[in-house]
PDB file of N, CA and C in Angstrom:
ATOM      1  N   ASP A   1       5.315  -7.272 -14.861  1.00  0.00           N
ATOM      2  CA  ASP A   1       5.820  -8.690 -14.939  1.00  0.00           C
ATOM      3  C   ASP A   1       5.528  -9.344 -13.655  1.00  0.00           C
ATOM      4  N   MET A   2       4.938 -10.553 -13.728  1.00  0.00           N
ATOM      5  CA  MET A   2       4.486 -11.289 -12.501  1.00  0.00           C
ATOM      6  C   MET A   2       5.712 -11.731 -11.695  1.00  0.00           C
ATOM      7  N   ALA A   3       6.826 -12.088 -12.240  1.00  0.00           N
ATOM      8  CA  ALA A   3       7.983 -12.470 -11.460  1.00  0.00           C
ATOM      9  C   ALA A   3       8.451 -11.326 -10.625  1.00  0.00           C
ATOM     10  N   TRP A   4       8.523 -10.135 -11.160  1.00  0.00           N
ATOM     11  CA  TRP A   4       8.965  -9.064 -10.312  1.00  0.00           C
ATOM     12  C   TRP A   4       7.920  -8.622  -9.283  1.00  0.00           C
ATOM     13  N   ARG A   5       6.667  -8.757  -9.598  1.00  0.00           N
ATOM     14  CA  ARG A   5       5.644  -8.453  -8.634  1.00  0.00           C
ATOM     15  C   ARG A   5       5.726  -9.396  -7.485  1.00  0.00           C
ATOM     16  N   ASN A   6       5.941 -10.654  -7.751  1.00  0.00           N
ATOM     17  CA  ASN A   6       6.089 -11.645  -6.659  1.00  0.00           C
ATOM     18  C   ASN A   6       7.285 -11.410  -5.819  1.00  0.00           C
ATOM     19  N   CYS A   7       8.401 -11.070  -6.423  1.00  0.00           N
ATOM     20  CA  CYS A   7       9.572 -10.696  -5.701  1.00  0.00           C
ATOM     21  C   CYS A   7       9.339  -9.542  -4.771  1.00  0.00           C
ATOM     22  N   TYR A   8       8.753  -8.462  -5.320  1.00  0.00           N
ATOM     23  CA  TYR A   8       8.391  -7.249  -4.477  1.00  0.00           C
ATOM     24  C   TYR A   8       7.481  -7.626  -3.351  1.00  0.00           C
ATOM     25  N   ARG A   9       6.494  -8.452  -3.681  1.00  0.00           N
ATOM     26  CA  ARG A   9       5.528  -8.802  -2.645  1.00  0.00           C
ATOM     27  C   ARG A   9       6.202  -9.518  -1.439  1.00  0.00           C
ATOM     28  N   ALA A  10       7.069 -10.457  -1.795  1.00  0.00           N
ATOM     29  CA  ALA A  10       7.808 -11.203  -0.754  1.00  0.00           C
ATOM     30  C   ALA A  10       8.710 -10.286   0.026  1.00  0.00           C
ATOM     31  N   SER A  11       9.386  -9.378  -0.637  1.00  0.00           N
ATOM     32  CA  SER A  11      10.275  -8.402   0.036  1.00  0.00           C
ATOM     33  C   SER A  11       9.576  -7.492   0.962  1.00  0.00           C
ATOM     34  N   LEU A  12       8.403  -6.985   0.497  1.00  0.00           N
ATOM     35  CA  LEU A  12       7.607  -6.090   1.281  1.00  0.00           C
ATOM     36  C   LEU A  12       7.045  -6.818   2.521  1.00  0.00           C
ATOM     37  N   LEU A  13       6.582  -8.056   2.390  1.00  0.00           N
ATOM     38  CA  LEU A  13       6.101  -8.865   3.503  1.00  0.00           C
ATOM     39  C   LEU A  13       7.231  -9.081   4.552  1.00  0.00           C
ATOM     40  N   ALA A  14       8.388  -9.393   4.088  1.00  0.00           N
ATOM     41  CA  ALA A  14       9.511  -9.721   4.987  1.00  0.00           C
ATOM     42  C   ALA A  14       9.801  -8.384   5.751  1.00  0.00           C
ATOM     43  N   CYS A  15       9.881  -7.232   5.074  1.00  0.00           N
ATOM     44  CA  CYS A  15      10.153  -6.002   5.779  1.00  0.00           C
ATOM     45  C   CYS A  15       9.089  -5.658   6.808  1.00  0.00           C
ATOM     46  N   ALA A  16       7.782  -5.849   6.408  1.00  0.00           N
ATOM     47  CA  ALA A  16       6.758  -5.555   7.279  1.00  0.00           C
ATOM     48  C   ALA A  16       6.785  -6.422   8.533  1.00  0.00           C
ATOM     49  N   LYS A  17       7.105  -7.746   8.354  1.00  0.00           N
ATOM     50  CA  LYS A  17       7.126  -8.631   9.529  1.00  0.00           C
ATOM     51  C   LYS A  17       8.378  -8.316  10.455  1.00  0.00           C
ATOM     52  N   SER A  18       9.401  -7.910   9.861  1.00  0.00           N
ATOM     53  CA  SER A  18      10.662  -7.548  10.661  1.00  0.00           C
ATOM     54  C   SER A  18      10.649  -6.093  11.145  1.00  0.00           C
ATOM     55  N   LYS A  19       9.641  -5.375  10.784  1.00  0.00           N
ATOM     56  CA  LYS A  19       9.462  -3.927  11.138  1.00  0.00           C
ATOM     57  C   LYS A  19      10.580  -3.059  10.555  1.00  0.00           C
ATOM     58  N   SER A  20      11.110  -3.423   9.419  1.00  0.00           N
ATOM     59  CA  SER A  20      12.112  -2.657   8.755  1.00  0.00           C
ATOM     60  C   SER A  20      11.426  -1.680   7.860  1.00  0.00           C
ATOM     61  N   PHE A  21      10.803  -0.698   8.500  1.00  0.00           N
ATOM     62  CA  PHE A  21       9.846   0.228   7.744  1.00  0.00           C
ATOM     63  C   PHE A  21      10.648   1.131   6.759  1.00  0.00           C
ATOM     64  N   ASP A  22      11.783   1.614   7.133  1.00  0.00           N
ATOM     65  CA  ASP A  22      12.511   2.473   6.134  1.00  0.00           C
ATOM     66  C   ASP A  22      12.836   1.645   4.803  1.00  0.00           C
ATOM     67  N   ARG A  23      13.276   0.357   5.019  1.00  0.00           N
ATOM     68  CA  ARG A  23      13.502  -0.504   3.872  1.00  0.00           C
ATOM     69  C   ARG A  23      12.254  -0.784   3.111  1.00  0.00           C
ATOM     70  N   TYR A  24      11.225  -1.010   3.864  1.00  0.00           N
ATOM     71  CA  TYR A  24       9.845  -1.280   3.266  1.00  0.00           C
ATOM     72  C   TYR A  24       9.504  -0.118   2.259  1.00  0.00           C
ATOM     73  N   PHE A  25       9.583   1.034   2.699  1.00  0.00           N
ATOM     74  CA  PHE A  25       9.172   2.168   1.802  1.00  0.00           C
ATOM     75  C   PHE A  25      10.152   2.349   0.683  1.00  0.00           C
ATOM     76  N   GLU A  26      11.472   1.981   0.871  1.00  0.00           N
ATOM     77  CA  GLU A  26      12.424   2.047  -0.233  1.00  0.00           C
ATOM     78  C   GLU A  26      11.997   1.021  -1.341  1.00  0.00           C
ATOM     79  N   ILE A  27      11.717  -0.220  -0.891  1.00  0.00           N
ATOM     80  CA  ILE A  27      11.276  -1.167  -1.856  1.00  0.00           C
ATOM     81  C   ILE A  27       9.961  -0.854  -2.555  1.00  0.00           C
ATOM     82  N   TYR A  28       8.987  -0.300  -1.831  1.00  0.00           N
ATOM     83  CA  TYR A  28       7.790   0.083  -2.356  1.00  0.00           C
ATOM     84  C   TYR A  28       7.981   1.162  -3.433  1.00  0.00           C
ATOM     85  N   ASN A  29       8.834   2.086  -3.183  1.00  0.00           N
ATOM     86  CA  ASN A  29       9.060   3.212  -4.132  1.00  0.00           C
ATOM     87  C   ASN A  29       9.846   2.663  -5.356  1.00  0.00           C
ATOM     88  N   GLN A  30      10.720   1.708  -5.176  1.00  0.00           N
ATOM     89  CA  GLN A  30      11.469   1.092  -6.227  1.00  0.00           C
ATOM     90  C   GLN A  30      10.414   0.360  -7.154  1.00  0.00           C
ATOM     91  N   MET A  31       9.522  -0.323  -6.539  1.00  0.00           N
ATOM     92  CA  MET A  31       8.458  -1.034  -7.310  1.00  0.00           C
ATOM     93  C   MET A  31       7.680  -0.045  -8.146  1.00  0.00           C
ATOM     94  N   ARG A  32       7.267   1.035  -7.606  1.00  0.00           N
ATOM     95  CA  ARG A  32       6.387   2.019  -8.296  1.00  0.00           C
ATOM     96  C   ARG A  32       7.334   2.675  -9.386  1.00  0.00           C
ATOM     97  N   ASN A  33       8.563   2.928  -9.136  1.00  0.00           N
ATOM     98  CA  ASN A  33       9.475   3.529 -10.158  1.00  0.00           C
ATOM     99  C   ASN A  33       9.685   2.608 -11.271  1.00  0.00           C
ATOM    100  N   ARG A  34       9.510   1.364 -11.106  1.00  0.00           N
ATOM    101  CA  ARG A  34       9.686   0.327 -12.219  1.00  0.00           C
ATOM    102  C   ARG A  34       8.381   0.292 -13.007  1.00  0.00           C
ATOM    103  N   GLY A  35       7.362   0.928 -12.488  1.00  0.00           N
ATOM    104  CA  GLY A  35       6.045   0.952 -13.245  1.00  0.00           C
ATOM    105  C   GLY A  35       5.167  -0.266 -12.855  1.00  0.00           C
ATOM    106  N   ILE A  36       5.531  -0.874 -11.753  1.00  0.00           N
ATOM    107  CA  ILE A  36       4.703  -2.101 -11.380  1.00  0.00           C
ATOM    108  C   ILE A  36       3.651  -1.581 -10.312  1.00  0.00           C
ATOM    109  N   ALA A  37       2.405  -1.644 -10.787  1.00  0.00           N
ATOM    110  CA  ALA A  37       1.281  -1.173 -10.015  1.00  0.00           C
ATOM    111  C   ALA A  37       0.996  -2.204  -8.833  1.00  0.00           C
ATOM    112  N   PRO A  38       0.897  -1.774  -7.616  1.00  0.00           N
ATOM    113  CA  PRO A  38       0.652  -2.681  -6.540  1.00  0.00           C
ATOM    114  C   PRO A  38      -0.754  -3.246  -6.619  1.00  0.00           C
ATOM    115  N   GLU A  39      -0.784  -4.536  -6.303  1.00  0.00           N
ATOM    116  CA  GLU A  39      -2.117  -5.181  -6.238  1.00  0.00           C
ATOM    117  C   GLU A  39      -2.868  -4.798  -4.948  1.00  0.00           C
ATOM    118  N   ALA A  40      -4.118  -5.179  -4.835  1.00  0.00           N
ATOM    119  CA  ALA A  40      -4.866  -4.656  -3.708  1.00  0.00           C
ATOM    120  C   ALA A  40      -4.295  -5.074  -2.320  1.00  0.00           C
ATOM    121  N   THR A  41      -3.775  -6.215  -2.239  1.00  0.00           N
ATOM    122  CA  THR A  41      -3.277  -6.637  -0.936  1.00  0.00           C
ATOM    123  C   THR A  41      -2.029  -5.820  -0.558  1.00  0.00           C
ATOM    124  N   ILE A  42      -1.159  -5.481  -1.568  1.00  0.00           N
ATOM    125  CA  ILE A  42      -0.046  -4.681  -1.291  1.00  0.00           C
ATOM    126  C   ILE A  42      -0.456  -3.264  -0.940  1.00  0.00           C
ATOM    127  N   THR A  43      -1.359  -2.754  -1.674  1.00  0.00           N
ATOM    128  CA  THR A  43      -1.920  -1.420  -1.322  1.00  0.00           C
ATOM    129  C   THR A  43      -2.350  -1.391   0.041  1.00  0.00           C
ATOM    130  N   SER A  44      -3.140  -2.328   0.530  1.00  0.00           N
ATOM    131  CA  SER A  44      -3.599  -2.357   1.881  1.00  0.00           C
ATOM    132  C   SER A  44      -2.454  -2.476   2.903  1.00  0.00           C
ATOM    133  N   GLN A  45      -1.516  -3.263   2.570  1.00  0.00           N
ATOM    134  CA  GLN A  45      -0.360  -3.542   3.453  1.00  0.00           C
ATOM    135  C   GLN A  45       0.446  -2.169   3.543  1.00  0.00           C
ATOM    136  N   VAL A  46       0.659  -1.512   2.441  1.00  0.00           N
ATOM    137  CA  VAL A  46       1.425  -0.255   2.442  1.00  0.00           C
ATOM    138  C   VAL A  46       0.749   0.803   3.414  1.00  0.00           C
ATOM    139  N   CYS A  47      -0.601   0.928   3.302  1.00  0.00           N
ATOM    140  CA  CYS A  47      -1.338   1.785   4.098  1.00  0.00           C
ATOM    141  C   CYS A  47      -1.266   1.364   5.588  1.00  0.00           C
ATOM    142  N   ALA A  48      -1.336   0.074   5.781  1.00  0.00           N
ATOM    143  CA  ALA A  48      -1.171  -0.415   7.263  1.00  0.00           C
ATOM    144  C   ALA A  48       0.192  -0.128   7.843  1.00  0.00           C
ATOM    145  N   VAL A  49       1.244  -0.204   7.033  1.00  0.00           N
ATOM    146  CA  VAL A  49       2.595   0.141   7.494  1.00  0.00           C
ATOM    147  C   VAL A  49       2.648   1.699   7.707  1.00  0.00           C
ATOM    148  N   ALA A  50       2.089   2.431   6.735  1.00  0.00           N
ATOM    149  CA  ALA A  50       2.073   3.857   6.930  1.00  0.00           C
ATOM    150  C   ALA A  50       1.322   4.288   8.162  1.00  0.00           C
ATOM    151  N   GLU A  51       0.222   3.548   8.469  1.00  0.00           N
ATOM    152  CA  GLU A  51      -0.530   3.814   9.736  1.00  0.00           C
ATOM    153  C   GLU A  51       0.380   3.487  10.902  1.00  0.00           C
ATOM    154  N   GLU A  52       1.028   2.422  10.927  1.00  0.00           N
ATOM    155  CA  GLU A  52       1.826   2.035  12.087  1.00  0.00           C
ATOM    156  C   GLU A  52       2.978   3.007  12.349  1.00  0.00           C
ATOM    157  N   THR A  53       3.448   3.549  11.278  1.00  0.00           N
ATOM    158  CA  THR A  53       4.683   4.544  11.352  1.00  0.00           C
ATOM    159  C   THR A  53       4.193   5.899  11.396  1.00  0.00           C
ATOM    160  N   ALA A  54       2.855   6.162  11.388  1.00  0.00           N
ATOM    161  CA  ALA A  54       2.308   7.469  11.334  1.00  0.00           C
ATOM    162  C   ALA A  54       2.887   8.287  10.091  1.00  0.00           C
ATOM    163  N   ASN A  55       3.072   7.577   9.027  1.00  0.00           N
ATOM    164  CA  ASN A  55       3.597   8.225   7.775  1.00  0.00           C
ATOM    165  C   ASN A  55       2.401   8.677   6.917  1.00  0.00           C
ATOM    166  N   TRP A  56       1.817   9.754   7.321  1.00  0.00           N
ATOM    167  CA  TRP A  56       0.582  10.132   6.618  1.00  0.00           C
ATOM    168  C   TRP A  56       0.835  10.544   5.182  1.00  0.00           C
ATOM    169  N   ARG A  57       2.031  11.066   4.790  1.00  0.00           N
ATOM    170  CA  ARG A  57       2.256  11.408   3.456  1.00  0.00           C
ATOM    171  C   ARG A  57       2.279  10.211   2.550  1.00  0.00           C
ATOM    172  N   VAL A  58       2.876   9.148   3.004  1.00  0.00           N
ATOM    173  CA  VAL A  58       2.867   7.892   2.170  1.00  0.00           C
ATOM    174  C   VAL A  58       1.449   7.361   2.112  1.00  0.00           C
ATOM    175  N   ALA A  59       0.731   7.414   3.140  1.00  0.00           N
ATOM    176  CA  ALA A  59      -0.694   6.933   3.173  1.00  0.00           C
ATOM    177  C   ALA A  59      -1.556   7.701   2.114  1.00  0.00           C
ATOM    178  N   LEU A  60      -1.394   9.054   2.080  1.00  0.00           N
ATOM    179  CA  LEU A  60      -2.112   9.832   1.167  1.00  0.00           C
ATOM    180  C   LEU A  60      -1.641   9.673  -0.276  1.00  0.00           C
ATOM    181  N   GLU A  61      -0.344   9.451  -0.446  1.00  0.00           N
ATOM    182  CA  GLU A  61       0.224   9.218  -1.755  1.00  0.00           C
ATOM    183  C   GLU A  61      -0.381   7.901  -2.349  1.00  0.00           C
ATOM    184  N   VAL A  62      -0.534   6.829  -1.521  1.00  0.00           N
ATOM    185  CA  VAL A  62      -1.015   5.628  -1.936  1.00  0.00           C
ATOM    186  C   VAL A  62      -2.491   5.708  -2.332  1.00  0.00           C
ATOM    187  N   LEU A  63      -3.230   6.478  -1.477  1.00  0.00           N
ATOM    188  CA  LEU A  63      -4.626   6.706  -1.794  1.00  0.00           C
ATOM    189  C   LEU A  63      -4.759   7.406  -3.114  1.00  0.00           C
ATOM    190  N   GLU A  64      -3.954   8.474  -3.247  1.00  0.00           N
ATOM    191  CA  GLU A  64      -4.052   9.212  -4.539  1.00  0.00           C
ATOM    192  C   GLU A  64      -3.808   8.296  -5.717  1.00  0.00           C
ATOM    193  N   ALA A  65      -2.699   7.523  -5.631  1.00  0.00           N
ATOM    194  CA  ALA A  65      -2.300   6.662  -6.736  1.00  0.00           C
ATOM    195  C   ALA A  65      -3.318   5.535  -7.059  1.00  0.00           C
ATOM    196  N   THR A  66      -4.039   5.135  -5.975  1.00  0.00           N
ATOM    197  CA  THR A  66      -4.876   3.946  -6.246  1.00  0.00           C
ATOM    198  C   THR A  66      -6.378   4.295  -6.174  1.00  0.00           C
ATOM    199  N   LYS A  67      -6.670   5.518  -5.959  1.00  0.00           N
ATOM    200  CA  LYS A  67      -8.067   5.953  -5.813  1.00  0.00           C
ATOM    201  C   LYS A  67      -8.939   5.503  -6.975  1.00  0.00           C
ATOM    202  N   PRO A  68      -8.509   5.745  -8.216  1.00  0.00           N
ATOM    203  CA  PRO A  68      -9.383   5.341  -9.307  1.00  0.00           C
ATOM    204  C   PRO A  68      -9.732   3.801  -9.295  1.00  0.00           C
ATOM    205  N   ARG A  69      -8.673   2.996  -8.946  1.00  0.00           N
ATOM    206  CA  ARG A  69      -8.913   1.556  -8.945  1.00  0.00           C
ATOM    207  C   ARG A  69      -9.667   1.114  -7.730  1.00  0.00           C
ATOM    208  N   LEU A  70      -9.550   1.840  -6.606  1.00  0.00           N
ATOM    209  CA  LEU A  70     -10.327   1.512  -5.397  1.00  0.00           C
ATOM    210  C   LEU A  70     -11.759   1.909  -5.546  1.00  0.00           C
ATOM    211  N   LEU A  71     -11.974   3.008  -6.135  1.00  0.00           N
ATOM    212  CA  LEU A  71     -13.376   3.567  -6.276  1.00  0.00           C
ATOM    213  C   LEU A  71     -14.213   2.841  -7.395  1.00  0.00           C
ATOM    214  N   ALA A  72     -13.431   2.482  -8.456  1.00  0.00           N
ATOM    215  CA  ALA A  72     -14.095   1.839  -9.592  1.00  0.00           C
ATOM    216  C   ALA A  72     -13.408   0.537 -10.026  1.00  0.00           C
ATOM    217  N   PRO A  73     -13.465  -0.481  -9.091  1.00  0.00           N
ATOM    218  CA  PRO A  73     -12.813  -1.612  -9.456  1.00  0.00           C
ATOM    219  C   PRO A  73     -13.556  -2.428 -10.485  1.00  0.00           C
ATOM    220  N   LYS A  74     -12.810  -3.265 -11.197  1.00  0.00           N
ATOM    221  CA  LYS A  74     -13.392  -4.126 -12.229  1.00  0.00           C
ATOM    222  C   LYS A  74     -14.243  -5.201 -11.632  1.00  0.00           C
ATOM    223  N   ILE A  75     -15.265  -5.597 -12.192  1.00  0.00           N
ATOM    224  CA  ILE A  75     -16.143  -6.720 -11.686  1.00  0.00           C
ATOM    225  C   ILE A  75     -15.244  -7.974 -11.449  1.00  0.00           C
ATOM    226  N   SER A  76     -14.281  -8.155 -12.309  1.00  0.00           N
ATOM    227  CA  SER A  76     -13.420  -9.338 -12.161  1.00  0.00           C
ATOM    228  C   SER A  76     -12.453  -9.288 -10.966  1.00  0.00           C
ATOM    229  N   GLU A  77     -12.497  -8.132 -10.252  1.00  0.00           N
ATOM    230  CA  GLU A  77     -11.557  -7.956  -9.109  1.00  0.00           C
ATOM    231  C   GLU A  77     -12.317  -7.654  -7.807  1.00  0.00           C
ATOM    232  N   PRO A  78     -13.060  -8.620  -7.296  1.00  0.00           N
ATOM    233  CA  PRO A  78     -13.786  -8.378  -6.076  1.00  0.00           C
ATOM    234  C   PRO A  78     -12.935  -8.103  -4.894  1.00  0.00           C
ATOM    235  N   LYS A  79     -11.730  -8.587  -4.851  1.00  0.00           N
ATOM    236  CA  LYS A  79     -10.825  -8.377  -3.767  1.00  0.00           C
ATOM    237  C   LYS A  79     -10.504  -6.965  -3.627  1.00  0.00           C
ATOM    238  N   ARG A  80     -10.325  -6.285  -4.770  1.00  0.00           N
ATOM    239  CA  ARG A  80      -9.994  -4.817  -4.686  1.00  0.00           C
ATOM    240  C   ARG A  80     -11.144  -4.037  -4.050  1.00  0.00           C
ATOM    241  N   SER A  81     -12.410  -4.335  -4.377  1.00  0.00           N
ATOM    242  CA  SER A  81     -13.501  -3.634  -3.734  1.00  0.00           C
ATOM    243  C   SER A  81     -13.510  -3.906  -2.262  1.00  0.00           C
ATOM    244  N   ALA A  82     -13.219  -5.089  -1.775  1.00  0.00           N
ATOM    245  CA  ALA A  82     -13.131  -5.433  -0.388  1.00  0.00           C
ATOM    246  C   ALA A  82     -12.071  -4.713   0.304  1.00  0.00           C
ATOM    247  N   MET A  83     -10.967  -4.348  -0.348  1.00  0.00           N
ATOM    248  CA  MET A  83      -9.792  -3.664   0.300  1.00  0.00           C
ATOM    249  C   MET A  83     -10.017  -2.204   0.369  1.00  0.00           C
ATOM    250  N   ALA A  84     -10.926  -1.590  -0.266  1.00  0.00           N
ATOM    251  CA  ALA A  84     -11.141  -0.165  -0.236  1.00  0.00           C
ATOM    252  C   ALA A  84     -11.328   0.334   1.143  1.00  0.00           C
ATOM    253  N   GLY A  85     -12.231  -0.194   1.908  1.00  0.00           N
ATOM    254  CA  GLY A  85     -12.522   0.140   3.243  1.00  0.00           C
ATOM    255  C   GLY A  85     -11.276   0.210   4.200  1.00  0.00           C
ATOM    256  N   PRO A  86     -10.521  -0.946   4.241  1.00  0.00           N
ATOM    257  CA  PRO A  86      -9.329  -0.953   5.112  1.00  0.00           C
ATOM    258  C   PRO A  86      -8.271   0.009   4.629  1.00  0.00           C
ATOM    259  N   VAL A  87      -8.170   0.208   3.325  1.00  0.00           N
ATOM    260  CA  VAL A  87      -7.188   1.152   2.809  1.00  0.00           C
ATOM    261  C   VAL A  87      -7.453   2.582   3.306  1.00  0.00           C
ATOM    262  N   TYR A  88      -8.701   2.945   3.214  1.00  0.00           N
ATOM    263  CA  TYR A  88      -9.084   4.310   3.618  1.00  0.00           C
ATOM    264  C   TYR A  88      -9.001   4.397   5.164  1.00  0.00           C
ATOM    265  N   ALA A  89      -9.332   3.372   5.911  1.00  0.00           N
ATOM    266  CA  ALA A  89      -9.243   3.388   7.349  1.00  0.00           C
ATOM    267  C   ALA A  89      -7.750   3.509   7.825  1.00  0.00           C
ATOM    268  N   HIS A  90      -6.833   2.817   7.184  1.00  0.00           N
ATOM    269  CA  HIS A  90      -5.410   2.876   7.477  1.00  0.00           C
ATOM    270  C   HIS A  90      -4.914   4.281   7.212  1.00  0.00           C
ATOM    271  N   ALA A  91      -5.308   4.836   6.093  1.00  0.00           N
ATOM    272  CA  ALA A  91      -4.864   6.196   5.719  1.00  0.00           C
ATOM    273  C   ALA A  91      -5.333   7.232   6.739  1.00  0.00           C
ATOM    274  N   ILE A  92      -6.603   7.091   7.088  1.00  0.00           N
ATOM    275  CA  ILE A  92      -7.199   8.042   8.086  1.00  0.00           C
ATOM    276  C   ILE A  92      -6.439   7.943   9.414  1.00  0.00           C
ATOM    277  N   SER A  93      -6.172   6.722   9.817  1.00  0.00           N
ATOM    278  CA  SER A  93      -5.499   6.508  11.141  1.00  0.00           C
ATOM    279  C   SER A  93      -4.060   7.013  10.991  1.00  0.00           C
ATOM    280  N   ALA A  94      -3.395   6.906   9.903  1.00  0.00           N
ATOM    281  CA  ALA A  94      -2.065   7.392   9.764  1.00  0.00           C
ATOM    282  C   ALA A  94      -2.016   8.889   9.891  1.00  0.00           C
ATOM    283  N   CYS A  95      -3.007   9.547   9.328  1.00  0.00           N
ATOM    284  CA  CYS A  95      -3.159  10.977   9.487  1.00  0.00           C
ATOM    285  C   CYS A  95      -3.382  11.389  10.923  1.00  0.00           C
ATOM    286  N   HIS A  96      -4.289  10.636  11.550  1.00  0.00           N
ATOM    287  CA  HIS A  96      -4.656  10.926  12.926  1.00  0.00           C
ATOM    288  C   HIS A  96      -3.423  10.762  13.865  1.00  0.00           C
ATOM    289  N   ARG A  97      -2.641   9.644  13.679  1.00  0.00           N
ATOM    290  CA  ARG A  97      -1.504   9.350  14.493  1.00  0.00           C
ATOM    291  C   ARG A  97      -0.450  10.434  14.366  1.00  0.00           C
ATOM    292  N   ALA A  98      -0.409  11.024  13.099  1.00  0.00           N
ATOM    293  CA  ALA A  98       0.596  12.081  12.891  1.00  0.00           C
ATOM    294  C   ALA A  98       0.134  13.431  13.250  1.00  0.00           C
ATOM    295  N   GLY A  99      -1.124  13.539  13.733  1.00  0.00           N
ATOM    296  CA  GLY A  99      -1.663  14.784  14.151  1.00  0.00           C
ATOM    297  C   GLY A  99      -2.088  15.645  12.953  1.00  0.00           C
ATOM    298  N   GLN A 100      -2.396  15.081  11.794  1.00  0.00           N
ATOM    299  CA  GLN A 100      -2.726  15.758  10.655  1.00  0.00           C
ATOM    300  C   GLN A 100      -4.231  15.824  10.492  1.00  0.00           C
TER     301      GLN A 100
END
């Protein structure tokens, strides 16, 4: 549902800006538990926050959950193709920062 997706997007952005990372991941998990698939920009943002917090587990979970969409995006979703590189880079950096 687009209304819920917009609400989650705004909440995640606010948490990222205020560096409320624990709350950020709570909201992200709540979104996923509701069955709302994150769009490409949210996926990239989640990986960026995981990188900043060295939360390698979250970064790898996001990669695993979105890998099929990142690797085989629809032609109608060029933004998703463009996000694949940064998502992988954030995930790799999160692992590196955590010493994994």
